[in-house]
Amino acid sequence: MKAIETTATINESGQLTLDQSLSVNKPQRVRIIILISEDGEPDPDETPTETVIEGIRQGLHEAFTGKTIPLSEMWEGIDAE
């Protein structure tokens, strides 16, 4: 069995419309799991805009003030297993 993750919209009639076509070679029945955010619950896969903007500001500040490290040193001390 193959898993495909995508996004979709549920309309007023309860019908599901995919945001993009799937690359499936032949018509077939599928099993679907639908994850629906409850009212006020943030999407766990989406970083809040304020957090993204703050990260960009911090990165620009560090770049402009020379608080950077060489790329060659970025992976020092990290052991991939």
PDB file of N, CA and C in Angstrom:
ATOM      1  N   MET A   1       0.848  -1.177   0.000  1.00  0.00           N
ATOM      2  CA  MET A   1       0.000   0.000   0.000  1.00  0.00           C
ATOM      3  C   MET A   1       0.892   1.238   0.000  1.00  0.00           C
ATOM      4  N   LYS A   2       0.494   2.249  -0.737  1.00  0.00           N
ATOM      5  CA  LYS A   2       1.246   3.490  -0.887  1.00  0.00           C
ATOM      6  C   LYS A   2       0.481   4.624  -0.205  1.00  0.00           C
ATOM      7  N   ALA A   3       1.204   5.523   0.472  1.00  0.00           N
ATOM      8  CA  ALA A   3       0.576   6.673   1.126  1.00  0.00           C
ATOM      9  C   ALA A   3       0.878   7.938   0.335  1.00  0.00           C
ATOM     10  N   ILE A   4      -0.131   8.781   0.181  1.00  0.00           N
ATOM     11  CA  ILE A   4       0.020  10.081  -0.484  1.00  0.00           C
ATOM     12  C   ILE A   4      -0.567  11.128   0.462  1.00  0.00           C
ATOM     13  N   GLU A   5       0.209  12.174   0.743  1.00  0.00           N
ATOM     14  CA  GLU A   5      -0.314  13.257   1.580  1.00  0.00           C
ATOM     15  C   GLU A   5      -0.564  14.467   0.699  1.00  0.00           C
ATOM     16  N   THR A   6      -1.726  15.054   0.822  1.00  0.00           N
ATOM     17  CA  THR A   6      -2.077  16.242   0.058  1.00  0.00           C
ATOM     18  C   THR A   6      -3.080  17.049   0.875  1.00  0.00           C
ATOM     19  N   THR A   7      -3.517  18.166   0.351  1.00  0.00           N
ATOM     20  CA  THR A   7      -4.519  18.982   1.018  1.00  0.00           C
ATOM     21  C   THR A   7      -5.773  19.041   0.158  1.00  0.00           C
ATOM     22  N   ALA A   8      -6.880  19.371   0.806  1.00  0.00           N
ATOM     23  CA  ALA A   8      -8.153  19.420   0.095  1.00  0.00           C
ATOM     24  C   ALA A   8      -9.100  20.349   0.833  1.00  0.00           C
ATOM     25  N   THR A   9     -10.251  20.584   0.222  1.00  0.00           N
ATOM     26  CA  THR A   9     -11.284  21.416   0.813  1.00  0.00           C
ATOM     27  C   THR A   9     -12.577  20.619   0.856  1.00  0.00           C
ATOM     28  N   ILE A  10     -13.313  20.738   1.971  1.00  0.00           N
ATOM     29  CA  ILE A  10     -14.624  20.117   2.067  1.00  0.00           C
ATOM     30  C   ILE A  10     -15.652  21.208   1.825  1.00  0.00           C
ATOM     31  N   ASN A  11     -16.527  20.997   0.848  1.00  0.00           N
ATOM     32  CA  ASN A  11     -17.526  22.024   0.527  1.00  0.00           C
ATOM     33  C   ASN A  11     -18.767  21.883   1.407  1.00  0.00           C
ATOM     34  N   GLU A  12     -19.765  22.736   1.173  1.00  0.00           N
ATOM     35  CA  GLU A  12     -20.974  22.769   1.987  1.00  0.00           C
ATOM     36  C   GLU A  12     -21.748  21.455   1.920  1.00  0.00           C
ATOM     37  N   SER A  13     -21.567  20.701   0.840  1.00  0.00           N
ATOM     38  CA  SER A  13     -22.263  19.419   0.677  1.00  0.00           C
ATOM     39  C   SER A  13     -21.490  18.264   1.299  1.00  0.00           C
ATOM     40  N   GLY A  14     -20.344  18.564   1.893  1.00  0.00           N
ATOM     41  CA  GLY A  14     -19.533  17.521   2.498  1.00  0.00           C
ATOM     42  C   GLY A  14     -18.659  16.777   1.508  1.00  0.00           C
ATOM     43  N   GLN A  15     -18.540  17.312   0.279  1.00  0.00           N
ATOM     44  CA  GLN A  15     -17.710  16.668  -0.729  1.00  0.00           C
ATOM     45  C   GLN A  15     -16.290  17.199  -0.650  1.00  0.00           C
ATOM     46  N   LEU A  16     -15.340  16.314  -0.909  1.00  0.00           N
ATOM     47  CA  LEU A  16     -13.926  16.626  -0.819  1.00  0.00           C
ATOM     48  C   LEU A  16     -13.378  16.990  -2.197  1.00  0.00           C
ATOM     49  N   THR A  17     -12.667  18.124  -2.297  1.00  0.00           N
ATOM     50  CA  THR A  17     -12.011  18.533  -3.537  1.00  0.00           C
ATOM     51  C   THR A  17     -10.528  18.678  -3.259  1.00  0.00           C
ATOM     52  N   LEU A  18      -9.709  17.888  -3.953  1.00  0.00           N
ATOM     53  CA  LEU A  18      -8.262  17.947  -3.756  1.00  0.00           C
ATOM     54  C   LEU A  18      -7.706  19.249  -4.326  1.00  0.00           C
ATOM     55  N   ASP A  19      -6.678  19.796  -3.676  1.00  0.00           N
ATOM     56  CA  ASP A  19      -6.055  21.028  -4.149  1.00  0.00           C
ATOM     57  C   ASP A  19      -5.230  20.805  -5.413  1.00  0.00           C
ATOM     58  N   GLN A  20      -4.733  19.585  -5.615  1.00  0.00           N
ATOM     59  CA  GLN A  20      -3.990  19.263  -6.836  1.00  0.00           C
ATOM     60  C   GLN A  20      -4.303  17.834  -7.247  1.00  0.00           C
ATOM     61  N   SER A  21      -4.126  17.543  -8.508  1.00  0.00           N
ATOM     62  CA  SER A  21      -4.370  16.198  -9.013  1.00  0.00           C
ATOM     63  C   SER A  21      -3.331  15.231  -8.473  1.00  0.00           C
ATOM     64  N   LEU A  22      -3.740  13.983  -8.323  1.00  0.00           N
ATOM     65  CA  LEU A  22      -2.821  12.932  -7.901  1.00  0.00           C
ATOM     66  C   LEU A  22      -2.251  12.252  -9.137  1.00  0.00           C
ATOM     67  N   SER A  23      -1.015  11.824  -9.055  1.00  0.00           N
ATOM     68  CA  SER A  23      -0.410  11.118 -10.187  1.00  0.00           C
ATOM     69  C   SER A  23      -0.650   9.618 -10.008  1.00  0.00           C
ATOM     70  N   VAL A  24      -1.870   9.219 -10.307  1.00  0.00           N
ATOM     71  CA  VAL A  24      -2.283   7.822 -10.201  1.00  0.00           C
ATOM     72  C   VAL A  24      -2.565   7.324 -11.607  1.00  0.00           C
ATOM     73  N   ASN A  25      -2.046   6.139 -11.934  1.00  0.00           N
ATOM     74  CA  ASN A  25      -2.118   5.632 -13.300  1.00  0.00           C
ATOM     75  C   ASN A  25      -3.467   5.070 -13.706  1.00  0.00           C
ATOM     76  N   LYS A  26      -4.264   4.591 -12.764  1.00  0.00           N
ATOM     77  CA  LYS A  26      -5.531   3.965 -13.136  1.00  0.00           C
ATOM     78  C   LYS A  26      -6.592   4.264 -12.094  1.00  0.00           C
ATOM     79  N   PRO A  27      -7.863   4.251 -12.497  1.00  0.00           N
ATOM     80  CA  PRO A  27      -8.944   4.443 -11.527  1.00  0.00           C
ATOM     81  C   PRO A  27      -8.951   3.295 -10.516  1.00  0.00           C
ATOM     82  N   GLN A  28      -9.136   3.626  -9.250  1.00  0.00           N
ATOM     83  CA  GLN A  28      -9.175   2.600  -8.218  1.00  0.00           C
ATOM     84  C   GLN A  28      -9.790   3.162  -6.954  1.00  0.00           C
ATOM     85  N   ARG A  29     -10.269   2.291  -6.094  1.00  0.00           N
ATOM     86  CA  ARG A  29     -10.799   2.726  -4.803  1.00  0.00           C
ATOM     87  C   ARG A  29      -9.631   2.994  -3.872  1.00  0.00           C
ATOM     88  N   VAL A  30      -9.805   3.944  -2.954  1.00  0.00           N
ATOM     89  CA  VAL A  30      -8.754   4.308  -2.010  1.00  0.00           C
ATOM     90  C   VAL A  30      -9.339   4.422  -0.612  1.00  0.00           C
ATOM     91  N   ARG A  31      -8.467   4.361   0.395  1.00  0.00           N
ATOM     92  CA  ARG A  31      -8.850   4.635   1.778  1.00  0.00           C
ATOM     93  C   ARG A  31      -8.367   6.033   2.103  1.00  0.00           C
ATOM     94  N   ILE A  32      -9.166   6.798   2.817  1.00  0.00           N
ATOM     95  CA  ILE A  32      -8.824   8.190   3.110  1.00  0.00           C
ATOM     96  C   ILE A  32      -8.908   8.436   4.611  1.00  0.00           C
ATOM     97  N   ILE A  33      -7.906   9.118   5.149  1.00  0.00           N
ATOM     98  CA  ILE A  33      -7.932   9.601   6.528  1.00  0.00           C
ATOM     99  C   ILE A  33      -7.974  11.118   6.438  1.00  0.00           C
ATOM    100  N   ILE A  34      -8.943  11.732   7.083  1.00  0.00           N
ATOM    101  CA  ILE A  34      -9.100  13.189   7.019  1.00  0.00           C
ATOM    102  C   ILE A  34      -8.811  13.776   8.398  1.00  0.00           C
ATOM    103  N   LEU A  35      -7.899  14.733   8.457  1.00  0.00           N
ATOM    104  CA  LEU A  35      -7.572  15.426   9.699  1.00  0.00           C
ATOM    105  C   LEU A  35      -8.197  16.818   9.634  1.00  0.00           C
ATOM    106  N   ILE A  36      -9.079  17.124  10.563  1.00  0.00           N
ATOM    107  CA  ILE A  36      -9.781  18.402  10.564  1.00  0.00           C
ATOM    108  C   ILE A  36      -9.421  19.165  11.832  1.00  0.00           C
ATOM    109  N   SER A  37      -8.964  20.413  11.672  1.00  0.00           N
ATOM    110  CA  SER A  37      -8.672  21.255  12.832  1.00  0.00           C
ATOM    111  C   SER A  37      -9.985  21.637  13.500  1.00  0.00           C
ATOM    112  N   GLU A  38      -9.976  21.599  14.827  1.00  0.00           N
ATOM    113  CA  GLU A  38     -11.156  22.036  15.557  1.00  0.00           C
ATOM    114  C   GLU A  38     -11.108  23.553  15.678  1.00  0.00           C
ATOM    115  N   ASP A  39     -12.234  24.180  15.957  1.00  0.00           N
ATOM    116  CA  ASP A  39     -12.314  25.642  16.035  1.00  0.00           C
ATOM    117  C   ASP A  39     -11.228  26.211  16.936  1.00  0.00           C
ATOM    118  N   GLY A  40     -10.450  27.132  16.402  1.00  0.00           N
ATOM    119  CA  GLY A  40      -9.415  27.814  17.156  1.00  0.00           C
ATOM    120  C   GLY A  40      -8.127  27.027  17.300  1.00  0.00           C
ATOM    121  N   GLU A  41      -8.137  25.778  16.860  1.00  0.00           N
ATOM    122  CA  GLU A  41      -6.939  24.945  16.989  1.00  0.00           C
ATOM    123  C   GLU A  41      -5.986  25.248  15.832  1.00  0.00           C
ATOM    124  N   PRO A  42      -4.745  25.644  16.126  1.00  0.00           N
ATOM    125  CA  PRO A  42      -3.812  25.953  15.035  1.00  0.00           C
ATOM    126  C   PRO A  42      -3.380  24.686  14.300  1.00  0.00           C
ATOM    127  N   ASP A  43      -3.053  24.842  13.035  1.00  0.00           N
ATOM    128  CA  ASP A  43      -2.547  23.732  12.230  1.00  0.00           C
ATOM    129  C   ASP A  43      -1.140  23.416  12.721  1.00  0.00           C
ATOM    130  N   PRO A  44      -0.881  22.196  13.191  1.00  0.00           N
ATOM    131  CA  PRO A  44       0.444  21.879  13.738  1.00  0.00           C
ATOM    132  C   PRO A  44       1.543  21.894  12.688  1.00  0.00           C
ATOM    133  N   ASP A  45       1.168  21.839  11.409  1.00  0.00           N
ATOM    134  CA  ASP A  45       2.170  21.860  10.344  1.00  0.00           C
ATOM    135  C   ASP A  45       2.480  23.264   9.851  1.00  0.00           C
ATOM    136  N   GLU A  46       1.803  24.261  10.376  1.00  0.00           N
ATOM    137  CA  GLU A  46       1.986  25.631   9.889  1.00  0.00           C
ATOM    138  C   GLU A  46       2.618  26.505  10.970  1.00  0.00           C
ATOM    139  N   THR A  47       3.776  27.075  10.657  1.00  0.00           N
ATOM    140  CA  THR A  47       4.453  27.968  11.591  1.00  0.00           C
ATOM    141  C   THR A  47       3.737  29.315  11.562  1.00  0.00           C
ATOM    142  N   PRO A  48       3.409  29.876  12.735  1.00  0.00           N
ATOM    143  CA  PRO A  48       2.734  31.183  12.761  1.00  0.00           C
ATOM    144  C   PRO A  48       3.561  32.255  12.037  1.00  0.00           C
ATOM    145  N   THR A  49       2.884  33.142  11.337  1.00  0.00           N
ATOM    146  CA  THR A  49       3.532  34.197  10.553  1.00  0.00           C
ATOM    147  C   THR A  49       4.477  35.037  11.406  1.00  0.00           C
ATOM    148  N   GLU A  50       4.060  35.353  12.638  1.00  0.00           N
ATOM    149  CA  GLU A  50       4.900  36.177  13.511  1.00  0.00           C
ATOM    150  C   GLU A  50       6.241  35.487  13.800  1.00  0.00           C
ATOM    151  N   THR A  51       6.212  34.173  13.972  1.00  0.00           N
ATOM    152  CA  THR A  51       7.433  33.417  14.240  1.00  0.00           C
ATOM    153  C   THR A  51       8.354  33.434  13.031  1.00  0.00           C
ATOM    154  N   VAL A  52       7.778  33.295  11.852  1.00  0.00           N
ATOM    155  CA  VAL A  52       8.569  33.315  10.616  1.00  0.00           C
ATOM    156  C   VAL A  52       9.219  34.681  10.429  1.00  0.00           C
ATOM    157  N   ILE A  53       8.441  35.742  10.607  1.00  0.00           N
ATOM    158  CA  ILE A  53       8.967  37.108  10.434  1.00  0.00           C
ATOM    159  C   ILE A  53      10.083  37.388  11.433  1.00  0.00           C
ATOM    160  N   GLU A  54       9.897  36.972  12.687  1.00  0.00           N
ATOM    161  CA  GLU A  54      10.934  37.188  13.704  1.00  0.00           C
ATOM    162  C   GLU A  54      12.207  36.432  13.346  1.00  0.00           C
ATOM    163  N   GLY A  55      12.081  35.221  12.823  1.00  0.00           N
ATOM    164  CA  GLY A  55      13.251  34.447  12.405  1.00  0.00           C
ATOM    165  C   GLY A  55      14.001  35.119  11.268  1.00  0.00           C
ATOM    166  N   ILE A  56      13.260  35.691  10.330  1.00  0.00           N
ATOM    167  CA  ILE A  56      13.886  36.410   9.211  1.00  0.00           C
ATOM    168  C   ILE A  56      14.609  37.649   9.732  1.00  0.00           C
ATOM    169  N   ARG A  57      13.955  38.390  10.621  1.00  0.00           N
ATOM    170  CA  ARG A  57      14.592  39.596  11.192  1.00  0.00           C
ATOM    171  C   ARG A  57      15.881  39.233  11.925  1.00  0.00           C
ATOM    172  N   GLN A  58      15.838  38.187  12.728  1.00  0.00           N
ATOM    173  CA  GLN A  58      17.014  37.772  13.480  1.00  0.00           C
ATOM    174  C   GLN A  58      18.133  37.347  12.532  1.00  0.00           C
ATOM    175  N   GLY A  59      17.792  36.588  11.503  1.00  0.00           N
ATOM    176  CA  GLY A  59      18.803  36.153  10.536  1.00  0.00           C
ATOM    177  C   GLY A  59      19.447  37.321   9.807  1.00  0.00           C
ATOM    178  N   LEU A  60      18.638  38.288   9.396  1.00  0.00           N
ATOM    179  CA  LEU A  60      19.179  39.478   8.719  1.00  0.00           C
ATOM    180  C   LEU A  60      20.076  40.278   9.658  1.00  0.00           C
ATOM    181  N   HIS A  61      19.628  40.431  10.910  1.00  0.00           N
ATOM    182  CA  HIS A  61      20.438  41.169  11.890  1.00  0.00           C
ATOM    183  C   HIS A  61      21.798  40.496  12.085  1.00  0.00           C
ATOM    184  N   GLU A  62      21.780  39.164  12.232  1.00  0.00           N
ATOM    185  CA  GLU A  62      23.037  38.437  12.416  1.00  0.00           C
ATOM    186  C   GLU A  62      23.931  38.555  11.179  1.00  0.00           C
ATOM    187  N   ALA A  63      23.336  38.513  10.013  1.00  0.00           N
ATOM    188  CA  ALA A  63      24.132  38.631   8.777  1.00  0.00           C
ATOM    189  C   ALA A  63      24.749  40.028   8.665  1.00  0.00           C
ATOM    190  N   PHE A  64      23.963  41.069   8.946  1.00  0.00           N
ATOM    191  CA  PHE A  64      24.464  42.441   8.823  1.00  0.00           C
ATOM    192  C   PHE A  64      25.502  42.794   9.879  1.00  0.00           C
ATOM    193  N   THR A  65      25.417  42.163  11.054  1.00  0.00           N
ATOM    194  CA  THR A  65      26.370  42.472  12.118  1.00  0.00           C
ATOM    195  C   THR A  65      27.547  41.501  12.148  1.00  0.00           C
ATOM    196  N   GLY A  66      27.599  40.598  11.192  1.00  0.00           N
ATOM    197  CA  GLY A  66      28.731  39.679  11.091  1.00  0.00           C
ATOM    198  C   GLY A  66      28.689  38.529  12.083  1.00  0.00           C
ATOM    199  N   LYS A  67      27.539  38.291  12.695  1.00  0.00           N
ATOM    200  CA  LYS A  67      27.420  37.196  13.663  1.00  0.00           C
ATOM    201  C   LYS A  67      27.044  35.906  12.934  1.00  0.00           C
ATOM    202  N   THR A  68      27.938  35.464  12.089  1.00  0.00           N
ATOM    203  CA  THR A  68      27.714  34.251  11.315  1.00  0.00           C
ATOM    204  C   THR A  68      28.869  33.286  11.539  1.00  0.00           C
ATOM    205  N   ILE A  69      28.660  32.031  11.142  1.00  0.00           N
ATOM    206  CA  ILE A  69      29.747  31.066  11.206  1.00  0.00           C
ATOM    207  C   ILE A  69      29.964  30.512   9.806  1.00  0.00           C
ATOM    208  N   PRO A  70      31.188  30.145   9.485  1.00  0.00           N
ATOM    209  CA  PRO A  70      31.451  29.595   8.157  1.00  0.00           C
ATOM    210  C   PRO A  70      30.672  28.295   7.939  1.00  0.00           C
ATOM    211  N   LEU A  71      30.241  28.087   6.725  1.00  0.00           N
ATOM    212  CA  LEU A  71      29.495  26.889   6.372  1.00  0.00           C
ATOM    213  C   LEU A  71      30.272  25.627   6.722  1.00  0.00           C
ATOM    214  N   SER A  72      31.587  25.676   6.552  1.00  0.00           N
ATOM    215  CA  SER A  72      32.413  24.512   6.839  1.00  0.00           C
ATOM    216  C   SER A  72      32.352  24.091   8.313  1.00  0.00           C
ATOM    217  N   GLU A  73      31.949  25.014   9.197  1.00  0.00           N
ATOM    218  CA  GLU A  73      31.890  24.710  10.633  1.00  0.00           C
ATOM    219  C   GLU A  73      30.483  24.335  11.111  1.00  0.00           C
ATOM    220  N   MET A  74      29.492  24.467  10.248  1.00  0.00           N
ATOM    221  CA  MET A  74      28.117  24.246  10.673  1.00  0.00           C
ATOM    222  C   MET A  74      27.842  22.825  11.154  1.00  0.00           C
ATOM    223  N   TRP A  75      28.489  21.831  10.565  1.00  0.00           N
ATOM    224  CA  TRP A  75      28.208  20.447  10.907  1.00  0.00           C
ATOM    225  C   TRP A  75      29.188  19.863  11.929  1.00  0.00           C
ATOM    226  N   GLU A  76      30.133  20.652  12.408  1.00  0.00           N
ATOM    227  CA  GLU A  76      31.073  20.144  13.411  1.00  0.00           C
ATOM    228  C   GLU A  76      30.335  19.755  14.675  1.00  0.00           C
ATOM    229  N   GLY A  77      30.653  18.576  15.211  1.00  0.00           N
ATOM    230  CA  GLY A  77      30.038  18.117  16.440  1.00  0.00           C
ATOM    231  C   GLY A  77      28.715  17.407  16.252  1.00  0.00           C
ATOM    232  N   ILE A  78      28.224  17.338  15.022  1.00  0.00           N
ATOM    233  CA  ILE A  78      26.973  16.624  14.766  1.00  0.00           C
ATOM    234  C   ILE A  78      27.316  15.251  14.235  1.00  0.00           C
ATOM    235  N   ASP A  79      26.868  14.214  14.936  1.00  0.00           N
ATOM    236  CA  ASP A  79      27.128  12.847  14.513  1.00  0.00           C
ATOM    237  C   ASP A  79      25.840  12.244  13.970  1.00  0.00           C
ATOM    238  N   ALA A  80      25.823  11.983  12.680  1.00  0.00           N
ATOM    239  CA  ALA A  80      24.667  11.338  12.059  1.00  0.00           C
ATOM    240  C   ALA A  80      24.771   9.830  12.218  1.00  0.00           C
ATOM    241  N   GLU A  81      23.699   9.223  12.680  1.00  0.00           N
ATOM    242  CA  GLU A  81      23.716   7.766  12.853  1.00  0.00           C
ATOM    243  C   GLU A  81      22.789   7.128  11.868  1.00  0.00           C
TER     244      GLU A  81
END
